[in-house]
Amino acid sequence: ADLADAADIAVSHMAEALQYRQIV
């Protein structure tokens, strides 16, 4: 569960970072 949560959070942050880079 911890690893799954960590992976989910990591993916979410990566997605946000990619969207931010695309916007800017």
PDB file of N, CA and C in Angstrom:
ATOM      1  N   ALA A   1       0.840  -1.204   0.000  1.00  0.00           N
ATOM      2  CA  ALA A   1       0.000   0.000   0.000  1.00  0.00           C
ATOM      3  C   ALA A   1       0.873   1.251   0.000  1.00  0.00           C
ATOM      4  N   ASP A   2       1.901   1.240   0.830  1.00  0.00           N
ATOM      5  CA  ASP A   2       2.787   2.413   0.902  1.00  0.00           C
ATOM      6  C   ASP A   2       3.465   2.651  -0.444  1.00  0.00           C
ATOM      7  N   LEU A   3       3.979   1.565  -1.037  1.00  0.00           N
ATOM      8  CA  LEU A   3       4.663   1.713  -2.319  1.00  0.00           C
ATOM      9  C   LEU A   3       3.682   2.182  -3.383  1.00  0.00           C
ATOM     10  N   ALA A   4       2.479   1.646  -3.355  1.00  0.00           N
ATOM     11  CA  ALA A   4       1.469   2.040  -4.338  1.00  0.00           C
ATOM     12  C   ALA A   4       1.123   3.511  -4.167  1.00  0.00           C
ATOM     13  N   ASP A   5       0.968   3.943  -2.920  1.00  0.00           N
ATOM     14  CA  ASP A   5       0.646   5.353  -2.667  1.00  0.00           C
ATOM     15  C   ASP A   5       1.797   6.238  -3.126  1.00  0.00           C
ATOM     16  N   ALA A   6       3.025   5.832  -2.828  1.00  0.00           N
ATOM     17  CA  ALA A   6       4.197   6.623  -3.213  1.00  0.00           C
ATOM     18  C   ALA A   6       4.275   6.724  -4.731  1.00  0.00           C
ATOM     19  N   ALA A   7       4.007   5.622  -5.419  1.00  0.00           N
ATOM     20  CA  ALA A   7       4.058   5.621  -6.877  1.00  0.00           C
ATOM     21  C   ALA A   7       2.959   6.522  -7.432  1.00  0.00           C
ATOM     22  N   ASP A   8       1.770   6.439  -6.849  1.00  0.00           N
ATOM     23  CA  ASP A   8       0.647   7.258  -7.309  1.00  0.00           C
ATOM     24  C   ASP A   8       0.969   8.734  -7.126  1.00  0.00           C
ATOM     25  N   ILE A   9       1.558   9.078  -5.973  1.00  0.00           N
ATOM     26  CA  ILE A   9       1.921  10.470  -5.701  1.00  0.00           C
ATOM     27  C   ILE A   9       2.999  10.925  -6.682  1.00  0.00           C
ATOM     28  N   ALA A  10       3.975  10.062  -6.934  1.00  0.00           N
ATOM     29  CA  ALA A  10       5.067  10.414  -7.843  1.00  0.00           C
ATOM     30  C   ALA A  10       4.515  10.684  -9.241  1.00  0.00           C
ATOM     31  N   VAL A  11       3.614   9.829  -9.688  1.00  0.00           N
ATOM     32  CA  VAL A  11       3.017  10.006 -11.018  1.00  0.00           C
ATOM     33  C   VAL A  11       2.225  11.305 -11.071  1.00  0.00           C
ATOM     34  N   SER A  12       1.501  11.589  -9.998  1.00  0.00           N
ATOM     35  CA  SER A  12       0.702  12.813  -9.948  1.00  0.00           C
ATOM     36  C   SER A  12       1.600  14.037 -10.044  1.00  0.00           C
ATOM     37  N   HIS A  13       2.712  14.020  -9.306  1.00  0.00           N
ATOM     38  CA  HIS A  13       3.630  15.159  -9.336  1.00  0.00           C
ATOM     39  C   HIS A  13       4.249  15.300 -10.724  1.00  0.00           C
ATOM     40  N   MET A  14       4.600  14.167 -11.341  1.00  0.00           N
ATOM     41  CA  MET A  14       5.197  14.214 -12.682  1.00  0.00           C
ATOM     42  C   MET A  14       4.193  14.788 -13.670  1.00  0.00           C
ATOM     43  N   ALA A  15       2.938  14.378 -13.549  1.00  0.00           N
ATOM     44  CA  ALA A  15       1.901  14.869 -14.454  1.00  0.00           C
ATOM     45  C   ALA A  15       1.726  16.370 -14.278  1.00  0.00           C
ATOM     46  N   GLU A  16       1.717  16.826 -13.028  1.00  0.00           N
ATOM     47  CA  GLU A  16       1.564  18.262 -12.765  1.00  0.00           C
ATOM     48  C   GLU A  16       2.759  19.021 -13.333  1.00  0.00           C
ATOM     49  N   ALA A  17       3.956  18.473 -13.173  1.00  0.00           N
ATOM     50  CA  ALA A  17       5.165  19.127 -13.672  1.00  0.00           C
ATOM     51  C   ALA A  17       5.112  19.217 -15.193  1.00  0.00           C
ATOM     52  N   LEU A  18       4.658  18.150 -15.846  1.00  0.00           N
ATOM     53  CA  LEU A  18       4.581  18.157 -17.306  1.00  0.00           C
ATOM     54  C   LEU A  18       3.557  19.184 -17.776  1.00  0.00           C
ATOM     55  N   GLN A  19       2.412  19.244 -17.106  1.00  0.00           N
ATOM     56  CA  GLN A  19       1.385  20.213 -17.485  1.00  0.00           C
ATOM     57  C   GLN A  19       1.908  21.627 -17.286  1.00  0.00           C
ATOM     58  N   TYR A  20       2.645  21.848 -16.187  1.00  0.00           N
ATOM     59  CA  TYR A  20       3.178  23.180 -15.900  1.00  0.00           C
ATOM     60  C   TYR A  20       4.164  23.590 -16.988  1.00  0.00           C
ATOM     61  N   ARG A  21       5.013  22.649 -17.406  1.00  0.00           N
ATOM     62  CA  ARG A  21       6.008  22.958 -18.433  1.00  0.00           C
ATOM     63  C   ARG A  21       5.320  23.246 -19.765  1.00  0.00           C
ATOM     64  N   GLN A  22       4.218  22.538 -20.037  1.00  0.00           N
ATOM     65  CA  GLN A  22       3.512  22.751 -21.296  1.00  0.00           C
ATOM     66  C   GLN A  22       2.826  24.111 -21.302  1.00  0.00           C
ATOM     67  N   ILE A  23       2.273  24.507 -20.140  1.00  0.00           N
ATOM     68  CA  ILE A  23       1.587  25.795 -20.047  1.00  0.00           C
ATOM     69  C   ILE A  23       2.596  26.927 -20.199  1.00  0.00           C
ATOM     70  N   VAL A  24       3.725  26.795 -19.506  1.00  0.00           N
ATOM     71  CA  VAL A  24       4.744  27.841 -19.547  1.00  0.00           C
ATOM     72  C   VAL A  24       5.635  27.574 -20.749  1.00  0.00           C
TER      73      VAL A  24
END
